[in-house]
């Protein structure tokens, strides 16, 4: 039995994460989802990790309120440490029976503190507050608190919506300020682009000369995005690649350690544990490490600690060994291993892509002829990595009923630089989870349910690629 790569509690699913670094250890609070009906209320659970490869589940940390209390659902927030050594936890209180004047359940900022190193929490219901006039009272959530030393004050950011304007363009990151973390005053919006429905799970941090603002949105794409500025007051600019991952990796927030920054989010599950099932809220926790490029933009990759936890080689043989060149100027070629791979593995392929190549990449859990598989496809002419599968949805018995009009899985595409030359494609597969990384810059996470076994392969279409390296490793048994 292998240690799982991605954390999921035995009694539920991981929702939004609230990461906090303490004494070199990551305390990963998360919304615990058990998908029962009727809903039992949502608590903050806690898992800790020192090395990003082994996780200790501590169960409930902040207990949700009763069916009559304002925090029947204790939703997303943040934690800060004050100068006296007290931890302050801010969270969203929600009760479906607690309605605002518009008939929508209220969302409220609530407060708890801990004087024993976050072992226990004391709630302060008297400090609860909601949205002011001009904002929708049912969208006032995900309080993120940070210290702005330049202003000598605490700043709280909230996922909010204006009460007027185009319905899907009212999203705003609202702001409150405080001198003591106890009394909060409404302030001007932190960011007001009038672009999305809302900006969930806001997160702001400084790194070197840059400030970064992170948020999740579901109106243009279901994804986590970031913006850059030279100060926490903006102006915020849009990097060329402004998303952390694709459709499946959501509500990502970050924490730093030793000059490095990590993004923690959840990979959504799908209904019916099927490739064709709709995405669900909550899933399995995953972590990506951010890399700060020379121009301040961020790349995303596997943490070295995670890669190093796979150290036992898996022998794999291709047709004629490496380097393996696929040369198909006007056709398609795939080379598939002679061996099936285990359900959990790490793979790294270095691909030297020729000029004017249309596509190349890796086949996962492939049939021996490469015809049925999951596909990590690099498309140099379009500058993107996509996730595909074959067969796709089959709608009938005729040969044109193969969904040939679906180019790849929806929203599972990531822009990346695929100029001619060498590129590294890494992938971790663990059961029904798959995460790929290109050149330690671009990440793409997804689920893989329908094909549970198979081989690995490389392919090229309309062009040429040389596989100069292919290594596959696994973790040792527990």
Protein backbone atom coordinates (compact mmCIF):
# COMPACT_ATOMS: atom_id res chain seq x y z
CA UNK A 1 0.00 0.00 0.00
CA UNK A 2 1.32 3.41 -1.00
CA UNK A 3 0.97 6.63 0.97
CA UNK A 4 -1.61 8.88 -0.73
CA UNK A 5 -0.19 11.95 -2.46
CA UNK A 6 -3.23 14.16 -1.92
CA UNK A 7 -5.05 14.58 1.40
CA UNK A 8 -8.70 13.72 1.86
CA UNK A 9 -10.36 12.94 5.20
CA UNK A 10 -11.81 9.49 5.67
CA UNK A 11 -15.23 10.94 6.51
CA UNK A 12 -15.70 13.57 3.83
CA UNK A 13 -14.20 16.01 1.38
CA UNK A 14 -11.94 19.05 1.49
CA UNK A 15 -13.55 22.41 0.76
CA UNK A 16 -11.93 25.85 0.88
CA UNK A 17 -8.55 25.89 2.59
CA UNK A 18 -7.21 28.44 5.06
CA UNK A 19 -3.44 27.83 5.27
CA UNK A 20 -1.33 29.16 8.16
CA UNK A 21 2.38 28.65 8.77
CA UNK A 22 3.41 28.10 12.39
CA UNK A 23 6.96 27.25 13.51
CA UNK A 24 7.86 25.75 10.15
CA UNK A 25 4.71 23.63 9.98
CA UNK A 26 1.69 24.27 7.78
CA UNK A 27 -1.63 24.29 9.60
CA UNK A 28 -4.19 23.69 6.89
CA UNK A 29 -7.68 24.53 8.08
CA UNK A 30 -10.41 23.55 5.65
CA UNK A 31 -14.17 23.48 5.27
CA UNK A 32 -15.26 19.91 5.94
CA UNK A 33 -17.90 18.65 3.52
CA UNK A 34 -19.63 15.30 4.05
CA UNK A 35 -22.37 15.62 1.39
CA UNK A 36 -25.11 14.30 3.61
CA UNK A 37 -28.73 15.38 3.28
CA UNK A 38 -29.95 17.27 5.21
CA UNK A 39 -26.79 19.31 5.66
CA UNK A 40 -25.36 19.00 9.19
CA UNK A 41 -23.59 22.38 9.16
CA UNK A 42 -20.02 23.12 8.14
CA UNK A 43 -17.04 23.22 10.51
CA UNK A 44 -13.38 24.08 10.08
CA UNK A 45 -11.27 20.93 10.25
CA UNK A 46 -7.49 20.88 10.53
CA UNK A 47 -4.69 18.92 8.91
CA UNK A 48 -0.99 19.67 9.48
CA UNK A 49 2.13 18.90 7.49
CA UNK A 50 5.83 19.59 7.88
CA UNK A 51 7.07 18.20 4.59
CA UNK A 52 4.08 18.49 2.20
CA UNK A 53 4.12 14.72 1.75
CA UNK A 54 2.69 13.41 5.03
CA UNK A 55 -0.44 14.87 6.60
CA UNK A 56 -1.86 14.53 10.09
CA UNK A 57 -5.63 14.85 10.37
CA UNK A 58 -6.76 16.56 13.59
CA UNK A 59 -10.50 16.54 12.87
CA UNK A 60 -12.70 19.48 13.87
CA UNK A 61 -10.90 22.67 14.90
CA UNK A 62 -13.66 25.31 14.84
CA UNK A 63 -17.04 23.72 15.52
CA UNK A 64 -19.99 25.12 13.60
CA UNK A 65 -22.96 26.50 15.51
CA UNK A 66 -26.33 24.92 16.21
CA UNK A 67 -29.28 25.03 13.83
CA UNK A 68 -30.45 28.28 15.46
CA UNK A 69 -27.09 30.08 15.61
CA UNK A 70 -25.69 32.48 13.03
CA UNK A 71 -22.74 30.20 12.22
CA UNK A 72 -24.60 26.98 11.52
CA UNK A 73 -22.20 27.02 8.58
CA UNK A 74 -18.74 28.30 9.52
CA UNK A 75 -17.44 29.22 6.10
CA UNK A 76 -14.10 30.52 4.78
CA UNK A 77 -11.95 33.17 6.47
CA UNK A 78 -8.40 33.71 7.70
CA UNK A 79 -6.15 33.65 10.77
CA UNK A 80 -3.64 36.25 12.01
CA UNK A 81 -1.42 36.50 15.09
CA UNK A 82 -1.41 39.72 17.10
CA UNK A 83 1.49 41.26 19.04
CA UNK A 84 0.37 39.63 22.30
CA UNK A 85 0.54 36.11 20.89
CA UNK A 86 -3.22 35.69 20.44
CA UNK A 87 -4.49 34.12 17.23
CA UNK A 88 -7.54 35.76 15.67
CA UNK A 89 -9.77 33.70 13.42
CA UNK A 90 -12.21 35.53 11.15
CA UNK A 91 -14.81 33.47 9.34
CA UNK A 92 -18.10 33.65 7.49
CA UNK A 93 -21.22 32.92 9.51
CA UNK A 94 -24.15 31.55 7.51
CA UNK A 95 -27.47 30.01 8.47
CA UNK A 96 -30.01 29.24 5.71
CA UNK A 97 -32.80 30.24 8.12
CA UNK A 98 -31.29 33.66 8.85
CA UNK A 99 -32.66 35.76 6.00
CA UNK A 100 -31.94 39.34 5.00
CA UNK A 101 -34.53 41.87 3.83
CA UNK A 102 -34.21 40.53 0.28
CA UNK A 103 -35.08 36.99 1.39
CA UNK A 104 -31.53 35.68 0.86
CA UNK A 105 -29.61 34.08 3.77
CA UNK A 106 -27.24 36.57 5.39
CA UNK A 107 -23.49 36.19 5.28
CA UNK A 108 -21.74 37.69 8.30
CA UNK A 109 -18.18 38.26 9.47
CA UNK A 110 -17.59 36.42 12.74
CA UNK A 111 -14.61 36.28 15.09
CA UNK A 112 -12.92 33.73 17.34
CA UNK A 113 -9.65 33.87 19.28
CA UNK A 114 -7.14 31.41 20.70
CA UNK A 115 -4.67 32.05 23.51
CA UNK A 116 -3.31 28.48 23.52
CA UNK A 117 -1.61 28.25 20.14
CA UNK A 118 -4.80 27.40 18.19
CA UNK A 119 -5.55 24.31 20.26
CA UNK A 120 -8.97 25.74 21.18
CA UNK A 121 -11.06 28.67 19.98
CA UNK A 122 -13.35 31.08 21.82
CA UNK A 123 -16.08 32.63 19.71
CA UNK A 124 -17.07 36.29 20.07
CA UNK A 125 -20.59 36.58 18.65
CA UNK A 126 -20.87 40.17 19.92
CA UNK A 127 -18.28 41.19 17.29
CA UNK A 128 -20.34 39.93 14.36
CA UNK A 129 -21.07 42.36 11.53
CA UNK A 130 -22.58 42.26 8.05
CA UNK A 131 -22.54 44.24 4.82
CA UNK A 132 -23.26 48.00 4.85
CA UNK A 133 -25.67 49.78 2.56
CA UNK A 134 -24.68 49.56 -1.06
CA UNK A 135 -23.67 45.90 -0.82
CA UNK A 136 -25.76 42.74 -1.08
CA UNK A 137 -26.23 41.29 2.39
CA UNK A 138 -26.12 37.73 1.07
CA UNK A 139 -22.60 38.15 -0.36
CA UNK A 140 -20.27 39.26 2.45
CA UNK A 141 -17.86 36.40 2.95
CA UNK A 142 -14.35 34.95 3.07
CA UNK A 143 -12.76 37.66 5.29
CA UNK A 144 -9.01 37.84 4.67
CA UNK A 145 -7.04 39.92 7.19
CA UNK A 146 -3.50 41.17 6.74
CA UNK A 147 -1.24 43.73 8.38
CA UNK A 148 -0.35 46.86 6.40
CA UNK A 149 2.66 48.28 8.22
CA UNK A 150 2.80 51.32 5.93
CA UNK A 151 -0.56 52.42 7.33
CA UNK A 152 -0.08 50.89 10.79
CA UNK A 153 -3.43 49.11 10.52
CA UNK A 154 -5.11 45.80 9.87
CA UNK A 155 -7.01 45.43 6.61
CA UNK A 156 -9.84 42.99 5.97
CA UNK A 157 -10.83 41.98 2.44
CA UNK A 158 -14.22 40.44 1.65
CA UNK A 159 -15.86 38.74 -1.30
CA UNK A 160 -18.81 41.05 -1.86
CA UNK A 161 -21.25 42.40 -4.43
CA UNK A 162 -22.64 45.84 -5.12
CA UNK A 163 -26.40 46.03 -4.64
CA UNK A 164 -26.88 47.72 -8.03
CA UNK A 165 -25.51 47.27 -11.52
CA UNK A 166 -25.42 44.50 -14.14
CA UNK A 167 -26.17 41.24 -12.35
CA UNK A 168 -22.99 39.41 -13.32
CA UNK A 169 -20.68 42.43 -13.02
CA UNK A 170 -21.30 43.47 -9.40
CA UNK A 171 -18.37 41.63 -7.85
CA UNK A 172 -16.08 43.69 -5.64
CA UNK A 173 -13.43 42.99 -3.03
CA UNK A 174 -14.79 45.09 -0.19
CA UNK A 175 -12.60 46.35 2.65
CA UNK A 176 -12.72 47.12 6.35
CA UNK A 177 -9.90 48.47 8.52
CA UNK A 178 -9.01 48.16 12.20
CA UNK A 179 -6.39 49.29 14.70
CA UNK A 180 -6.93 46.44 17.14
CA UNK A 181 -8.57 43.53 15.24
CA UNK A 182 -11.69 43.98 17.37
CA UNK A 183 -13.51 47.04 16.02
CA UNK A 184 -13.78 47.34 12.25
CA UNK A 185 -14.72 50.30 10.08
CA UNK A 186 -16.04 50.09 6.53
CA UNK A 187 -13.61 51.53 3.97
CA UNK A 188 -13.40 52.09 0.22
CA UNK A 189 -13.34 48.90 -1.87
CA UNK A 190 -9.97 47.20 -2.15
CA UNK A 191 -10.57 46.26 -5.80
CA UNK A 192 -13.60 47.12 -7.89
CA UNK A 193 -13.22 45.88 -11.50
CA UNK A 194 -16.95 45.41 -12.23
CA UNK A 195 -16.01 42.25 -14.10
CA UNK A 196 -17.15 39.13 -12.27
CA UNK A 197 -20.11 37.89 -10.23
CA UNK A 198 -17.85 37.94 -7.17
CA UNK A 199 -14.25 37.29 -6.11
CA UNK A 200 -14.17 34.38 -3.68
CA UNK A 201 -11.43 33.62 -1.17
CA UNK A 202 -9.35 36.80 -1.60
CA UNK A 203 -5.71 36.55 -0.55
CA UNK A 204 -3.02 39.25 -0.61
CA UNK A 205 0.71 38.95 0.07
CA UNK A 206 4.01 40.68 -0.60
CA UNK A 207 6.97 38.88 -2.19
CA UNK A 208 10.11 40.85 -2.86
CA UNK A 209 9.25 44.04 -4.72
CA UNK A 210 5.78 42.86 -5.68
CA UNK A 211 2.34 42.56 -4.11
CA UNK A 212 -0.03 39.84 -5.28
CA UNK A 213 -3.81 39.63 -5.04
CA UNK A 214 -5.39 36.19 -5.45
CA UNK A 215 -9.09 35.40 -5.87
CA UNK A 216 -11.37 32.71 -7.28
CA UNK A 217 -14.15 33.38 -9.76
CA UNK A 218 -16.80 31.26 -11.42
CA UNK A 219 -18.44 33.61 -13.93
CA UNK A 220 -15.89 33.79 -16.78
CA UNK A 221 -14.09 30.56 -15.86
CA UNK A 222 -14.19 28.41 -12.75
CA UNK A 223 -10.66 29.15 -11.60
CA UNK A 224 -8.28 30.92 -9.21
CA UNK A 225 -6.56 34.02 -10.63
CA UNK A 226 -3.92 36.50 -9.48
CA UNK A 227 -2.99 40.13 -10.09
CA UNK A 228 0.25 42.07 -9.50
CA UNK A 229 1.10 45.53 -8.16
CA UNK A 230 3.92 47.47 -6.56
CA UNK A 231 1.80 48.31 -3.51
CA UNK A 232 -1.27 46.84 -1.78
CA UNK A 233 -3.23 49.83 -3.08
CA UNK A 234 -2.57 48.95 -6.72
CA UNK A 235 -2.92 49.64 -9.54
CA UNK A 236 -3.28 45.93 -10.22
CA UNK A 237 -2.04 44.54 -13.54
CA UNK A 238 -2.99 41.33 -15.33
CA UNK A 239 -0.12 38.92 -16.06
CA UNK A 240 -0.16 37.06 -19.38
CA UNK A 241 -0.94 33.79 -17.59
CA UNK A 242 -3.17 34.98 -14.76
CA UNK A 243 -4.62 31.70 -13.46
CA UNK A 244 -3.11 29.25 -10.99
CA UNK A 245 -4.49 26.08 -12.59
CA UNK A 246 -7.56 24.98 -14.57
CA UNK A 247 -11.19 24.15 -13.85
CA UNK A 248 -10.58 21.38 -11.34
CA UNK A 249 -8.32 23.26 -8.89
CA UNK A 250 -10.32 25.89 -6.99
CA UNK A 251 -10.38 28.28 -4.03
CA UNK A 252 -6.61 28.26 -3.73
CA UNK A 253 -4.97 30.33 -0.98
CA UNK A 254 -1.31 30.60 -0.06
CA UNK A 255 1.18 30.46 2.78
CA UNK A 256 4.94 31.04 2.86
CA UNK A 257 7.87 29.29 4.50
CA UNK A 258 11.62 29.96 4.23
CA UNK A 259 11.17 32.38 1.35
CA UNK A 260 9.01 29.95 -0.61
CA UNK A 261 5.28 30.25 -1.25
CA UNK A 262 2.78 27.41 -1.62
CA UNK A 263 -0.78 27.44 -2.92
CA UNK A 264 -3.28 25.09 -1.30
CA UNK A 265 -6.57 24.28 -3.01
CA UNK A 266 -8.93 21.42 -3.73
CA UNK A 267 -9.24 19.26 -6.82
CA UNK A 268 -12.97 18.89 -7.38
CA UNK A 269 -14.56 15.46 -7.59
CA UNK A 270 -17.19 14.52 -10.17
CA UNK A 271 -20.67 13.14 -9.67
CA UNK A 272 -20.87 9.38 -9.99
CA UNK A 273 -17.06 9.05 -9.99
CA UNK A 274 -17.27 9.30 -13.77
CA UNK A 275 -15.30 11.27 -16.34
CA UNK A 276 -18.58 12.54 -17.75
CA UNK A 277 -20.05 13.53 -14.37
CA UNK A 278 -20.51 17.22 -13.48
CA UNK A 279 -17.89 18.80 -11.25
CA UNK A 280 -18.80 18.98 -7.56
CA UNK A 281 -18.03 21.48 -4.81
CA UNK A 282 -15.11 20.25 -2.66
CA UNK A 283 -12.77 17.36 -3.32
CA UNK A 284 -9.20 16.42 -2.45
CA UNK A 285 -6.50 18.78 -1.20
CA UNK A 286 -3.54 19.56 -3.46
CA UNK A 287 -0.56 21.88 -3.21
CA UNK A 288 1.45 23.74 -5.84
CA UNK A 289 4.61 25.74 -5.25
CA UNK A 290 4.77 29.21 -6.77
CA UNK A 291 7.96 30.34 -8.51
CA UNK A 292 8.61 34.06 -8.87
CA UNK A 293 9.99 34.85 -12.30
CA UNK A 294 12.37 37.73 -13.04
CA UNK A 295 9.50 39.95 -14.21
CA UNK A 296 7.46 39.25 -11.07
CA UNK A 297 5.02 36.85 -12.71
CA UNK A 298 4.36 33.52 -11.04
CA UNK A 299 4.89 30.01 -12.31
CA UNK A 300 3.43 26.94 -10.59
CA UNK A 301 4.99 23.52 -10.13
CA UNK A 302 5.34 20.53 -7.81
CA UNK A 303 7.23 21.13 -4.59
CA UNK A 304 10.62 19.43 -4.62
CA UNK A 305 9.67 17.59 -1.43
CA UNK A 306 6.74 16.00 -3.24
CA UNK A 307 8.79 14.95 -6.26
CA UNK A 308 11.54 13.55 -4.03
CA UNK A 309 9.02 11.35 -2.21
CA UNK A 310 8.90 9.25 -5.40
CA UNK A 311 12.29 7.60 -5.45
CA UNK A 312 11.83 3.99 -6.55
CA UNK A 313 12.35 3.65 -10.31
CA UNK A 314 9.72 1.90 -12.43
CA UNK A 315 11.39 0.25 -15.44
CA UNK A 316 9.61 1.20 -18.66
CA UNK A 317 10.61 0.16 -22.15
CA UNK A 318 9.69 1.98 -25.33
CA UNK A 319 10.22 0.67 -28.87
CA UNK A 320 13.92 1.34 -29.34
CA UNK A 321 15.03 3.10 -26.19
CA UNK A 322 16.04 6.72 -25.67
CA UNK A 323 16.44 9.09 -27.30
CA UNK A 324 13.23 8.22 -29.17
CA UNK A 325 12.39 10.36 -32.19
CA UNK A 326 8.91 10.62 -33.66
CA UNK A 327 8.94 12.19 -37.14
CA UNK A 328 5.53 12.57 -38.75
CA UNK A 329 5.37 15.75 -40.86
CA UNK A 330 1.81 15.08 -42.04
CA UNK A 331 0.59 12.25 -39.82
CA UNK A 332 0.43 10.85 -36.29
CA UNK A 333 2.56 8.38 -34.35
CA UNK A 334 2.37 6.97 -30.84
CA UNK A 335 4.82 4.73 -28.99
CA UNK A 336 3.41 2.91 -25.98
CA UNK A 337 5.29 1.15 -23.20
CA UNK A 338 5.25 -2.61 -22.92
CA UNK A 339 4.26 -2.39 -19.26
CA UNK A 340 1.19 -1.22 -17.38
CA UNK A 341 1.93 1.42 -14.75
CA UNK A 342 0.75 1.26 -11.14
CA UNK A 343 -2.12 3.39 -9.90
CA UNK A 344 0.28 5.88 -8.31
CA UNK A 345 3.41 7.23 -9.98
CA UNK A 346 5.49 10.27 -10.92
CA UNK A 347 6.61 10.67 -14.53
CA UNK A 348 8.96 13.16 -16.14
CA UNK A 349 9.41 13.43 -19.89
CA UNK A 350 11.81 15.81 -21.62
CA UNK A 351 10.51 16.52 -25.12
CA UNK A 352 12.58 18.28 -27.79
CA UNK A 353 9.84 19.74 -29.96
CA UNK A 354 10.59 20.49 -33.60
CA UNK A 355 9.52 23.66 -35.34
CA UNK A 356 5.97 23.78 -36.76
CA UNK A 357 4.83 20.75 -34.75
CA UNK A 358 1.07 20.64 -34.22
CA UNK A 359 0.93 18.37 -31.18
CA UNK A 360 2.86 16.00 -28.94
CA UNK A 361 2.73 14.75 -25.37
CA UNK A 362 1.97 11.83 -23.09
CA UNK A 363 -0.67 9.10 -23.10
CA UNK A 364 -1.76 7.90 -19.65
CA UNK A 365 -3.47 4.62 -18.77
CA UNK A 366 -3.31 3.78 -22.44
CA UNK A 367 -4.35 0.67 -24.33
CA UNK A 368 -1.46 -1.19 -25.93
CA UNK A 369 -2.08 0.49 -29.30
CA UNK A 370 -2.49 3.96 -27.83
CA UNK A 371 -6.04 4.33 -29.12
CA UNK A 372 -7.76 4.56 -25.73
CA UNK A 373 -6.13 6.72 -23.09
CA UNK A 374 -6.01 9.98 -21.23
CA UNK A 375 -4.00 12.56 -23.13
CA UNK A 376 -1.74 15.37 -21.92
CA UNK A 377 -1.37 17.19 -25.23
CA UNK A 378 1.06 20.01 -25.91
CA UNK A 379 -0.09 22.18 -28.80
CA UNK A 380 2.78 24.48 -29.81
CA UNK A 381 0.86 26.29 -32.55
CA UNK A 382 -1.83 27.28 -30.03
CA UNK A 383 0.58 27.75 -27.14
CA UNK A 384 -1.27 25.52 -24.71
CA UNK A 385 -1.44 22.29 -22.74
CA UNK A 386 -4.81 20.51 -22.81
CA UNK A 387 -6.26 17.44 -21.16
CA UNK A 388 -8.16 15.07 -23.44
CA UNK A 389 -9.41 11.49 -23.36
CA UNK A 390 -10.37 8.84 -25.84
CA UNK A 391 -13.00 7.72 -26.24
CA UNK A 392 -14.89 10.91 -25.55
CA UNK A 393 -18.66 10.88 -25.11
CA UNK A 394 -20.20 8.49 -27.64
CA UNK A 395 -23.74 9.54 -28.54
CA UNK A 396 -24.79 6.76 -30.92
CA UNK A 397 -23.76 3.73 -32.95
CA UNK A 398 -22.53 5.42 -36.11
CA UNK A 399 -18.90 6.34 -36.68
CA UNK A 400 -19.67 10.07 -36.52
CA UNK A 401 -21.11 9.72 -33.01
CA UNK A 402 -17.69 10.04 -31.35
CA UNK A 403 -17.87 13.70 -30.23
CA UNK A 404 -15.16 14.68 -32.65
CA UNK A 405 -16.27 18.28 -32.24
CA UNK A 406 -15.00 18.39 -28.64
CA UNK A 407 -11.31 19.40 -28.84
CA UNK A 408 -10.51 18.62 -25.19
CA UNK A 409 -12.10 18.55 -21.74
CA UNK A 410 -13.84 21.85 -21.11
CA UNK A 411 -11.76 24.42 -19.19
CA UNK A 412 -8.87 21.96 -18.89
CA UNK A 413 -6.51 24.00 -21.05
CA UNK A 414 -3.54 26.05 -19.91
CA UNK A 415 -1.56 28.59 -21.94
CA UNK A 416 2.18 27.95 -22.02
CA UNK A 417 5.28 28.79 -24.05
CA UNK A 418 6.04 25.84 -26.33
CA UNK A 419 8.69 27.36 -28.57
CA UNK A 420 10.81 24.84 -30.52
CA UNK A 421 13.32 23.12 -28.26
CA UNK A 422 13.32 21.14 -25.04
CA UNK A 423 10.34 21.20 -22.68
CA UNK A 424 9.74 19.17 -19.53
CA UNK A 425 6.35 17.61 -18.85
CA UNK A 426 5.87 16.20 -15.35
CA UNK A 427 2.83 14.34 -14.08
CA UNK A 428 1.71 12.80 -10.80
CA UNK A 429 -1.06 10.22 -10.90
CA UNK A 430 -2.65 8.88 -7.74
CA UNK A 431 -5.80 6.83 -8.21
CA UNK A 432 -8.38 9.12 -9.80
CA UNK A 433 -6.23 12.25 -9.48
CA UNK A 434 -3.83 13.62 -12.06
CA UNK A 435 -1.70 16.80 -11.96
CA UNK A 436 0.59 17.85 -14.81
CA UNK A 437 3.26 20.58 -14.89
CA UNK A 438 5.04 22.07 -17.92
CA UNK A 439 8.54 23.54 -17.50
CA UNK A 440 7.92 24.14 -13.78
CA UNK A 441 5.67 27.02 -14.82
CA UNK A 442 2.20 25.81 -15.81
CA UNK A 443 0.02 23.40 -13.81
CA UNK A 444 -3.11 21.48 -14.80
CA UNK A 445 -5.09 19.28 -12.40
CA UNK A 446 -7.97 16.92 -13.17
CA UNK A 447 -9.78 13.69 -12.30
CA UNK A 448 -9.35 10.41 -14.18
CA UNK A 449 -12.06 7.91 -13.31
CA UNK A 450 -12.98 5.70 -16.24
CA UNK A 451 -9.57 4.23 -17.14
CA UNK A 452 -8.12 2.79 -13.95
CA UNK A 453 -5.18 0.89 -15.49
CA UNK A 454 -2.99 1.07 -18.55
CA UNK A 455 0.34 1.98 -20.05
CA UNK A 456 2.24 5.19 -20.70
CA UNK A 457 3.02 6.44 -24.18
CA UNK A 458 4.44 9.36 -26.13
CA UNK A 459 3.00 10.74 -29.34
CA UNK A 460 3.43 13.37 -32.02
CA UNK A 461 1.12 14.75 -34.67
CA UNK A 462 2.11 16.71 -37.77
CA UNK A 463 5.67 17.45 -36.77
CA UNK A 464 8.51 15.97 -34.82
CA UNK A 465 9.51 15.41 -31.22
CA UNK A 466 12.46 13.66 -29.63
CA UNK A 467 12.02 12.11 -26.21
CA UNK A 468 15.39 12.68 -24.61
CA UNK A 469 14.42 11.64 -21.07
CA UNK A 470 11.63 9.55 -19.59
CA UNK A 471 11.75 8.62 -15.93
CA UNK A 472 8.97 7.07 -13.91
CA UNK A 473 9.11 6.55 -10.17
CA UNK A 474 6.86 5.39 -7.37
CA UNK A 475 6.69 5.62 -3.61
CA UNK A 476 7.65 2.62 -1.57
CA UNK A 477 5.00 0.71 0.33
CA UNK A 478 4.02 1.92 3.79
